[in-house]
Amino acid sequence: MDRQDENVEIERKEKRSDSSQVATTLIKYTAYIVILVIILWFLINYILPMF
């Protein structure tokens, strides 16, 4: 009997729908942009006037 079939693993992955992935990415990058705007606002209003 052939022994090649013993170590075969079946991998099943759950695929998220495209709309779910797009929404998650949109929220993530929106958060990055908001944080960047807050940091820039802080620099412009508090750090830049010191010079």
C-alpha atoms as a PDB file:
ATOM      1  CA  MET A   1       0.000   0.000   0.000  1.00  0.00           C
ATOM      2  CA  ASP A   2       1.199   3.490  -0.822  1.00  0.00           C
ATOM      3  CA  ARG A   3       2.195   5.656   2.182  1.00  0.00           C
ATOM      4  CA  GLN A   4       2.167   9.030   0.372  1.00  0.00           C
ATOM      5  CA  ASP A   5      -1.421   9.877   1.352  1.00  0.00           C
ATOM      6  CA  GLU A   6      -0.908   9.723   5.122  1.00  0.00           C
ATOM      7  CA  ASN A   7       0.362  13.257   5.783  1.00  0.00           C
ATOM      8  CA  VAL A   8      -2.104  15.151   3.645  1.00  0.00           C
ATOM      9  CA  GLU A   9      -3.745  18.054   5.486  1.00  0.00           C
ATOM     10  CA  ILE A  10      -6.853  19.784   4.251  1.00  0.00           C
ATOM     11  CA  GLU A  11      -6.752  23.509   4.912  1.00  0.00           C
ATOM     12  CA  ARG A  12      -9.998  25.404   5.067  1.00  0.00           C
ATOM     13  CA  LYS A  13     -10.022  29.154   5.317  1.00  0.00           C
ATOM     14  CA  GLU A  14     -12.954  31.402   5.960  1.00  0.00           C
ATOM     15  CA  LYS A  15     -13.063  34.156   3.394  1.00  0.00           C
ATOM     16  CA  ARG A  16     -14.452  37.488   4.475  1.00  0.00           C
ATOM     17  CA  SER A  17     -16.720  39.191   2.050  1.00  0.00           C
ATOM     18  CA  ASP A  18     -15.204  42.033   0.048  1.00  0.00           C
ATOM     19  CA  SER A  19     -17.437  44.655   1.646  1.00  0.00           C
ATOM     20  CA  SER A  20     -16.287  43.624   5.116  1.00  0.00           C
ATOM     21  CA  GLN A  21     -12.639  43.874   4.131  1.00  0.00           C
ATOM     22  CA  VAL A  22     -13.155  47.246   2.464  1.00  0.00           C
ATOM     23  CA  ALA A  23     -14.956  48.607   5.530  1.00  0.00           C
ATOM     24  CA  THR A  24     -12.203  47.396   7.864  1.00  0.00           C
ATOM     25  CA  THR A  25      -9.496  48.957   5.700  1.00  0.00           C
ATOM     26  CA  LEU A  26     -11.434  52.204   5.420  1.00  0.00           C
ATOM     27  CA  ILE A  27     -11.804  52.476   9.211  1.00  0.00           C
ATOM     28  CA  LYS A  28      -8.125  51.700   9.735  1.00  0.00           C
ATOM     29  CA  TYR A  29      -6.853  54.332   7.297  1.00  0.00           C
ATOM     30  CA  THR A  30      -9.392  56.894   8.519  1.00  0.00           C
ATOM     31  CA  ALA A  31      -8.001  56.423  12.026  1.00  0.00           C
ATOM     32  CA  TYR A  32      -4.458  56.937  10.690  1.00  0.00           C
ATOM     33  CA  ILE A  33      -5.493  60.167   8.977  1.00  0.00           C
ATOM     34  CA  VAL A  34      -7.286  61.482  12.083  1.00  0.00           C
ATOM     35  CA  ILE A  35      -4.240  60.791  14.262  1.00  0.00           C
ATOM     36  CA  LEU A  36      -1.980  62.505  11.723  1.00  0.00           C
ATOM     37  CA  VAL A  37      -4.234  65.579  11.615  1.00  0.00           C
ATOM     38  CA  ILE A  38      -4.276  65.795  15.422  1.00  0.00           C
ATOM     39  CA  ILE A  39      -0.471  65.607  15.578  1.00  0.00           C
ATOM     40  CA  LEU A  40      -0.111  68.281  12.891  1.00  0.00           C
ATOM     41  CA  TRP A  41      -2.655  70.522  14.635  1.00  0.00           C
ATOM     42  CA  PHE A  42      -0.727  70.190  17.903  1.00  0.00           C
ATOM     43  CA  LEU A  43       2.563  71.041  16.191  1.00  0.00           C
ATOM     44  CA  ILE A  44       1.127  74.058  14.405  1.00  0.00           C
ATOM     45  CA  ASN A  45      -0.680  75.489  17.441  1.00  0.00           C
ATOM     46  CA  TYR A  46       1.750  74.781  20.276  1.00  0.00           C
ATOM     47  CA  ILE A  47       5.235  73.926  19.028  1.00  0.00           C
ATOM     48  CA  LEU A  48       5.606  76.193  15.995  1.00  0.00           C
ATOM     49  CA  PRO A  49       4.758  79.475  17.840  1.00  0.00           C
ATOM     50  CA  MET A  50       7.658  78.840  20.249  1.00  0.00           C
ATOM     51  CA  PHE A  51      10.165  79.525  17.463  1.00  0.00           C
END
